Amino acid sequence: LTNNSIFTARDLRARLLASGIDVPEDCI
């Protein structure tokens, strides 16, 4: 969960993946 409304779930998945954290888009 995030209060951040700037990014889509797809964007956030990509940002997390760049940090080495693999979270499916539908889990955001």
PDB file of all heavy atoms in Angstrom:
ATOM      1  N   LEU A   1       0.831  -1.205   0.000  1.00  0.00           N
ATOM      2  CA  LEU A   1       0.000   0.000   0.000  1.00  0.00           C
ATOM      3  C   LEU A   1       0.862   1.250   0.000  1.00  0.00           C
ATOM      4  O   LEU A   1       1.922   1.288   0.635  1.00  0.00           O
ATOM      5  CB  LEU A   1      -0.891   0.029   1.246  1.00  0.00           C
ATOM      6  CG  LEU A   1      -2.255  -0.649   1.146  1.00  0.00           C
ATOM      7  CD1 LEU A   1      -2.104  -2.137   0.923  1.00  0.00           C
ATOM      8  CD2 LEU A   1      -3.067  -0.383   2.405  1.00  0.00           C
ATOM      9  N   THR A   2       0.405   2.280  -0.696  1.00  0.00           N
ATOM     10  CA  THR A   2       1.079   3.568  -0.651  1.00  0.00           C
ATOM     11  C   THR A   2       0.073   4.697  -0.797  1.00  0.00           C
ATOM     12  O   THR A   2      -0.891   4.584  -1.561  1.00  0.00           O
ATOM     13  CB  THR A   2       2.158   3.687  -1.741  1.00  0.00           C
ATOM     14  OG1 THR A   2       2.741   5.005  -1.686  1.00  0.00           O
ATOM     15  CG2 THR A   2       1.596   3.459  -3.137  1.00  0.00           C
ATOM     16  N   ASN A   3       0.295   5.769  -0.053  1.00  0.00           N
ATOM     17  CA  ASN A   3      -0.512   6.982  -0.204  1.00  0.00           C
ATOM     18  C   ASN A   3      -0.085   7.804  -1.412  1.00  0.00           C
ATOM     19  O   ASN A   3      -0.751   8.764  -1.783  1.00  0.00           O
ATOM     20  CB  ASN A   3      -0.405   7.846   1.059  1.00  0.00           C
ATOM     21  CG  ASN A   3      -1.566   7.622   2.023  1.00  0.00           C
ATOM     22  OD1 ASN A   3      -2.476   6.840   1.750  1.00  0.00           O
ATOM     23  ND2 ASN A   3      -1.526   8.304   3.151  1.00  0.00           N
ATOM     24  N   ASN A   4       1.025   7.454  -2.009  1.00  0.00           N
ATOM     25  CA  ASN A   4       1.524   8.182  -3.173  1.00  0.00           C
ATOM     26  C   ASN A   4       0.578   7.972  -4.357  1.00  0.00           C
ATOM     27  O   ASN A   4       0.334   6.839  -4.768  1.00  0.00           O
ATOM     28  CB  ASN A   4       2.929   7.680  -3.527  1.00  0.00           C
ATOM     29  CG  ASN A   4       3.607   8.535  -4.578  1.00  0.00           C
ATOM     30  OD1 ASN A   4       2.984   8.971  -5.533  1.00  0.00           O
ATOM     31  ND2 ASN A   4       4.891   8.752  -4.409  1.00  0.00           N
ATOM     32  N   SER A   5       0.047   9.069  -4.889  1.00  0.00           N
ATOM     33  CA  SER A   5      -0.899   8.963  -6.010  1.00  0.00           C
ATOM     34  C   SER A   5      -0.271   9.393  -7.330  1.00  0.00           C
ATOM     35  O   SER A   5      -0.961   9.484  -8.345  1.00  0.00           O
ATOM     36  CB  SER A   5      -2.140   9.821  -5.738  1.00  0.00           C
ATOM     37  OG  SER A   5      -1.791  11.202  -5.672  1.00  0.00           O
ATOM     38  N   ILE A   6       1.045   9.652  -7.320  1.00  0.00           N
ATOM     39  CA  ILE A   6       1.704  10.141  -8.533  1.00  0.00           C
ATOM     40  C   ILE A   6       1.820   9.041  -9.577  1.00  0.00           C
ATOM     41  O   ILE A   6       1.579   9.266 -10.768  1.00  0.00           O
ATOM     42  CB  ILE A   6       3.106  10.703  -8.201  1.00  0.00           C
ATOM     43  CG1 ILE A   6       2.974  12.000  -7.402  1.00  0.00           C
ATOM     44  CG2 ILE A   6       3.908  10.945  -9.477  1.00  0.00           C
ATOM     45  CD1 ILE A   6       4.314  12.599  -6.993  1.00  0.00           C
ATOM     46  N   PHE A   7       2.186   7.831  -9.135  1.00  0.00           N
ATOM     47  CA  PHE A   7       2.542   6.771 -10.066  1.00  0.00           C
ATOM     48  C   PHE A   7       1.439   5.721 -10.194  1.00  0.00           C
ATOM     49  O   PHE A   7       0.684   5.471  -9.258  1.00  0.00           O
ATOM     50  CB  PHE A   7       3.831   6.081  -9.611  1.00  0.00           C
ATOM     51  CG  PHE A   7       4.998   7.019  -9.462  1.00  0.00           C
ATOM     52  CD1 PHE A   7       5.437   7.407  -8.203  1.00  0.00           C
ATOM     53  CD2 PHE A   7       5.638   7.527 -10.582  1.00  0.00           C
ATOM     54  CE1 PHE A   7       6.505   8.276  -8.061  1.00  0.00           C
ATOM     55  CE2 PHE A   7       6.710   8.395 -10.449  1.00  0.00           C
ATOM     56  CZ  PHE A   7       7.137   8.778  -9.184  1.00  0.00           C
ATOM     57  N   THR A   8       1.370   5.089 -11.358  1.00  0.00           N
ATOM     58  CA  THR A   8       0.494   3.940 -11.535  1.00  0.00           C
ATOM     59  C   THR A   8       1.125   2.727 -10.865  1.00  0.00           C
ATOM     60  O   THR A   8       2.323   2.724 -10.535  1.00  0.00           O
ATOM     61  CB  THR A   8       0.283   3.623 -13.025  1.00  0.00           C
ATOM     62  OG1 THR A   8       1.544   3.209 -13.582  1.00  0.00           O
ATOM     63  CG2 THR A   8      -0.249   4.824 -13.788  1.00  0.00           C
ATOM     64  N   ALA A   9       0.342   1.680 -10.689  1.00  0.00           N
ATOM     65  CA  ALA A   9       0.880   0.443 -10.113  1.00  0.00           C
ATOM     66  C   ALA A   9       1.988  -0.117 -10.995  1.00  0.00           C
ATOM     67  O   ALA A   9       2.990  -0.650 -10.497  1.00  0.00           O
ATOM     68  CB  ALA A   9      -0.240  -0.575  -9.934  1.00  0.00           C
ATOM     69  N   ARG A  10       1.848   0.028 -12.304  1.00  0.00           N
ATOM     70  CA  ARG A  10       2.889  -0.446 -13.221  1.00  0.00           C
ATOM     71  C   ARG A  10       4.188   0.326 -13.027  1.00  0.00           C
ATOM     72  O   ARG A  10       5.279  -0.245 -13.010  1.00  0.00           O
ATOM     73  CB  ARG A  10       2.408  -0.327 -14.662  1.00  0.00           C
ATOM     74  CG  ARG A  10       3.394  -0.876 -15.687  1.00  0.00           C
ATOM     75  CD  ARG A  10       2.775  -0.860 -17.078  1.00  0.00           C
ATOM     76  NE  ARG A  10       1.584  -1.700 -17.124  1.00  0.00           N
ATOM     77  CZ  ARG A  10       0.768  -1.784 -18.173  1.00  0.00           C
ATOM     78  NH1 ARG A  10       1.038  -1.089 -19.274  1.00  0.00           N
ATOM     79  NH2 ARG A  10      -0.291  -2.562 -18.129  1.00  0.00           N
ATOM     80  N   ASP A  11       4.061   1.653 -12.864  1.00  0.00           N
ATOM     81  CA  ASP A  11       5.249   2.480 -12.604  1.00  0.00           C
ATOM     82  C   ASP A  11       5.933   2.042 -11.308  1.00  0.00           C
ATOM     83  O   ASP A  11       7.161   1.926 -11.256  1.00  0.00           O
ATOM     84  CB  ASP A  11       4.862   3.954 -12.472  1.00  0.00           C
ATOM     85  CG  ASP A  11       4.309   4.547 -13.753  1.00  0.00           C
ATOM     86  OD1 ASP A  11       4.674   4.052 -14.839  1.00  0.00           O
ATOM     87  OD2 ASP A  11       3.506   5.496 -13.667  1.00  0.00           O
ATOM     88  N   LEU A  12       5.133   1.827 -10.277  1.00  0.00           N
ATOM     89  CA  LEU A  12       5.696   1.480  -8.978  1.00  0.00           C
ATOM     90  C   LEU A  12       6.360   0.107  -9.011  1.00  0.00           C
ATOM     91  O   LEU A  12       7.393  -0.104  -8.373  1.00  0.00           O
ATOM     92  CB  LEU A  12       4.608   1.529  -7.903  1.00  0.00           C
ATOM     93  CG  LEU A  12       4.097   2.933  -7.575  1.00  0.00           C
ATOM     94  CD1 LEU A  12       2.887   2.858  -6.656  1.00  0.00           C
ATOM     95  CD2 LEU A  12       5.189   3.788  -6.948  1.00  0.00           C
ATOM     96  N   ARG A  13       5.759  -0.817  -9.753  1.00  0.00           N
ATOM     97  CA  ARG A  13       6.408  -2.126  -9.901  1.00  0.00           C
ATOM     98  C   ARG A  13       7.789  -1.963 -10.519  1.00  0.00           C
ATOM     99  O   ARG A  13       8.762  -2.575 -10.059  1.00  0.00           O
ATOM    100  CB  ARG A  13       5.554  -3.050 -10.764  1.00  0.00           C
ATOM    101  CG  ARG A  13       6.322  -4.301 -11.215  1.00  0.00           C
ATOM    102  CD  ARG A  13       5.453  -5.338 -11.898  1.00  0.00           C
ATOM    103  NE  ARG A  13       6.284  -6.296 -12.620  1.00  0.00           N
ATOM    104  CZ  ARG A  13       7.078  -7.211 -12.069  1.00  0.00           C
ATOM    105  NH1 ARG A  13       7.192  -7.266 -10.752  1.00  0.00           N
ATOM    106  NH2 ARG A  13       7.783  -8.051 -12.798  1.00  0.00           N
ATOM    107  N   ALA A  14       7.885  -1.132 -11.547  1.00  0.00           N
ATOM    108  CA  ALA A  14       9.177  -0.922 -12.215  1.00  0.00           C
ATOM    109  C   ALA A  14      10.178  -0.267 -11.274  1.00  0.00           C
ATOM    110  O   ALA A  14      11.368  -0.623 -11.258  1.00  0.00           O
ATOM    111  CB  ALA A  14       8.986  -0.069 -13.466  1.00  0.00           C
ATOM    112  N   ARG A  15       9.717   0.691 -10.465  1.00  0.00           N
ATOM    113  CA  ARG A  15      10.615   1.368  -9.527  1.00  0.00           C
ATOM    114  C   ARG A  15      11.107   0.402  -8.450  1.00  0.00           C
ATOM    115  O   ARG A  15      12.282   0.430  -8.063  1.00  0.00           O
ATOM    116  CB  ARG A  15       9.894   2.565  -8.900  1.00  0.00           C
ATOM    117  CG  ARG A  15       9.642   3.694  -9.899  1.00  0.00           C
ATOM    118  CD  ARG A  15       8.634   4.688  -9.354  1.00  0.00           C
ATOM    119  NE  ARG A  15       9.180   5.479  -8.268  1.00  0.00           N
ATOM    120  CZ  ARG A  15       9.849   6.614  -8.427  1.00  0.00           C
ATOM    121  NH1 ARG A  15      10.079   7.090  -9.650  1.00  0.00           N
ATOM    122  NH2 ARG A  15      10.295   7.289  -7.397  1.00  0.00           N
ATOM    123  N   LEU A  16      10.211  -0.448  -7.961  1.00  0.00           N
ATOM    124  CA  LEU A  16      10.617  -1.433  -6.960  1.00  0.00           C
ATOM    125  C   LEU A  16      11.579  -2.450  -7.555  1.00  0.00           C
ATOM    126  O   LEU A  16      12.563  -2.840  -6.914  1.00  0.00           O
ATOM    127  CB  LEU A  16       9.385  -2.136  -6.383  1.00  0.00           C
ATOM    128  CG  LEU A  16       8.524  -1.310  -5.437  1.00  0.00           C
ATOM    129  CD1 LEU A  16       7.212  -2.034  -5.148  1.00  0.00           C
ATOM    130  CD2 LEU A  16       9.252  -1.024  -4.123  1.00  0.00           C
ATOM    131  N   LEU A  17      11.296  -2.867  -8.781  1.00  0.00           N
ATOM    132  CA  LEU A  17      12.147  -3.856  -9.437  1.00  0.00           C
ATOM    133  C   LEU A  17      13.561  -3.304  -9.635  1.00  0.00           C
ATOM    134  O   LEU A  17      14.549  -4.034  -9.494  1.00  0.00           O
ATOM    135  CB  LEU A  17      11.539  -4.263 -10.777  1.00  0.00           C
ATOM    136  CG  LEU A  17      12.032  -5.565 -11.416  1.00  0.00           C
ATOM    137  CD1 LEU A  17      11.842  -6.752 -10.473  1.00  0.00           C
ATOM    138  CD2 LEU A  17      11.302  -5.816 -12.728  1.00  0.00           C
ATOM    139  N   ALA A  18      13.656  -2.017  -9.923  1.00  0.00           N
ATOM    140  CA  ALA A  18      14.975  -1.387 -10.075  1.00  0.00           C
ATOM    141  C   ALA A  18      15.749  -1.402  -8.768  1.00  0.00           C
ATOM    142  O   ALA A  18      16.982  -1.335  -8.765  1.00  0.00           O
ATOM    143  CB  ALA A  18      14.810   0.044 -10.580  1.00  0.00           C
ATOM    144  N   SER A  19      15.017  -1.491  -7.651  1.00  0.00           N
ATOM    145  CA  SER A  19      15.657  -1.579  -6.336  1.00  0.00           C
ATOM    146  C   SER A  19      15.926  -3.020  -5.917  1.00  0.00           C
ATOM    147  O   SER A  19      16.421  -3.265  -4.824  1.00  0.00           O
ATOM    148  CB  SER A  19      14.775  -0.908  -5.275  1.00  0.00           C
ATOM    149  OG  SER A  19      14.534   0.438  -5.588  1.00  0.00           O
ATOM    150  N   GLY A  20      15.540  -3.972  -6.789  1.00  0.00           N
ATOM    151  CA  GLY A  20      15.753  -5.378  -6.478  1.00  0.00           C
ATOM    152  C   GLY A  20      14.595  -6.049  -5.777  1.00  0.00           C
ATOM    153  O   GLY A  20      14.738  -7.166  -5.263  1.00  0.00           O
ATOM    154  N   ILE A  21      13.432  -5.385  -5.746  1.00  0.00           N
ATOM    155  CA  ILE A  21      12.254  -5.934  -5.073  1.00  0.00           C
ATOM    156  C   ILE A  21      11.208  -6.260  -6.126  1.00  0.00           C
ATOM    157  O   ILE A  21      10.731  -5.373  -6.840  1.00  0.00           O
ATOM    158  CB  ILE A  21      11.683  -4.930  -4.053  1.00  0.00           C
ATOM    159  CG1 ILE A  21      12.771  -4.523  -3.042  1.00  0.00           C
ATOM    160  CG2 ILE A  21      10.484  -5.515  -3.332  1.00  0.00           C
ATOM    161  CD1 ILE A  21      12.358  -3.376  -2.147  1.00  0.00           C
ATOM    162  N   ASP A  22      10.832  -7.522  -6.225  1.00  0.00           N
ATOM    163  CA  ASP A  22       9.926  -7.984  -7.283  1.00  0.00           C
ATOM    164  C   ASP A  22       8.513  -8.120  -6.743  1.00  0.00           C
ATOM    165  O   ASP A  22       8.170  -9.118  -6.101  1.00  0.00           O
ATOM    166  CB  ASP A  22      10.427  -9.317  -7.833  1.00  0.00           C
ATOM    167  CG  ASP A  22       9.652  -9.747  -9.075  1.00  0.00           C
ATOM    168  OD1 ASP A  22       8.753  -8.992  -9.509  1.00  0.00           O
ATOM    169  OD2 ASP A  22       9.943 -10.835  -9.602  1.00  0.00           O
ATOM    170  N   VAL A  23       7.678  -7.105  -6.981  1.00  0.00           N
ATOM    171  CA  VAL A  23       6.288  -7.111  -6.535  1.00  0.00           C
ATOM    172  C   VAL A  23       5.388  -7.104  -7.769  1.00  0.00           C
ATOM    173  O   VAL A  23       5.488  -6.198  -8.595  1.00  0.00           O
ATOM    174  CB  VAL A  23       5.961  -5.886  -5.656  1.00  0.00           C
ATOM    175  CG1 VAL A  23       4.487  -5.896  -5.240  1.00  0.00           C
ATOM    176  CG2 VAL A  23       6.856  -5.848  -4.431  1.00  0.00           C
ATOM    177  N   PRO A  24       4.507  -8.081  -7.923  1.00  0.00           N
ATOM    178  CA  PRO A  24       3.590  -8.072  -9.073  1.00  0.00           C
ATOM    179  C   PRO A  24       2.732  -6.812  -9.092  1.00  0.00           C
ATOM    180  O   PRO A  24       2.381  -6.269  -8.034  1.00  0.00           O
ATOM    181  CB  PRO A  24       2.737  -9.330  -8.851  1.00  0.00           C
ATOM    182  CG  PRO A  24       3.565 -10.201  -7.965  1.00  0.00           C
ATOM    183  CD  PRO A  24       4.341  -9.279  -7.083  1.00  0.00           C
ATOM    184  N   GLU A  25       2.387  -6.366 -10.282  1.00  0.00           N
ATOM    185  CA  GLU A  25       1.602  -5.138 -10.420  1.00  0.00           C
ATOM    186  C   GLU A  25       0.279  -5.216  -9.680  1.00  0.00           C
ATOM    187  O   GLU A  25      -0.157  -4.232  -9.065  1.00  0.00           O
ATOM    188  CB  GLU A  25       1.361  -4.874 -11.909  1.00  0.00           C
ATOM    189  CG  GLU A  25       0.630  -3.587 -12.214  1.00  0.00           C
ATOM    190  CD  GLU A  25       0.421  -3.373 -13.704  1.00  0.00           C
ATOM    191  OE1 GLU A  25       1.236  -3.893 -14.504  1.00  0.00           O
ATOM    192  OE2 GLU A  25      -0.553  -2.702 -14.075  1.00  0.00           O
ATOM    193  N   ASP A  26      -0.368  -6.389  -9.718  1.00  0.00           N
ATOM    194  CA  ASP A  26      -1.674  -6.504  -9.066  1.00  0.00           C
ATOM    195  C   ASP A  26      -1.569  -6.631  -7.551  1.00  0.00           C
ATOM    196  O   ASP A  26      -2.587  -6.764  -6.862  1.00  0.00           O
ATOM    197  CB  ASP A  26      -2.487  -7.656  -9.652  1.00  0.00           C
ATOM    198  CG  ASP A  26      -1.812  -9.004  -9.479  1.00  0.00           C
ATOM    199  OD1 ASP A  26      -0.702  -9.064  -8.901  1.00  0.00           O
ATOM    200  OD2 ASP A  26      -2.396 -10.020  -9.913  1.00  0.00           O
ATOM    201  N   CYS A  27      -0.344  -6.572  -7.020  1.00  0.00           N
ATOM    202  CA  CYS A  27      -0.145  -6.595  -5.569  1.00  0.00           C
ATOM    203  C   CYS A  27       0.205  -5.207  -5.032  1.00  0.00           C
ATOM    204  O   CYS A  27       0.704  -5.080  -3.912  1.00  0.00           O
ATOM    205  CB  CYS A  27       0.956  -7.583  -5.188  1.00  0.00           C
ATOM    206  SG  CYS A  27       0.498  -9.312  -5.432  1.00  0.00           S
ATOM    207  N   ILE A  28      -0.046  -4.170  -5.836  1.00  0.00           N
ATOM    208  CA  ILE A  28       0.220  -2.797  -5.424  1.00  0.00           C
ATOM    209  C   ILE A  28      -1.101  -2.029  -5.396  1.00  0.00           C
ATOM    210  O   ILE A  28      -1.857  -2.048  -6.367  1.00  0.00           O
ATOM    211  CB  ILE A  28       1.221  -2.118  -6.381  1.00  0.00           C
ATOM    212  CG1 ILE A  28       2.569  -2.853  -6.349  1.00  0.00           C
ATOM    213  CG2 ILE A  28       1.400  -0.649  -6.008  1.00  0.00           C
ATOM    214  CD1 ILE A  28       3.569  -2.377  -7.387  1.00  0.00           C
TER     215      ILE A  28
END
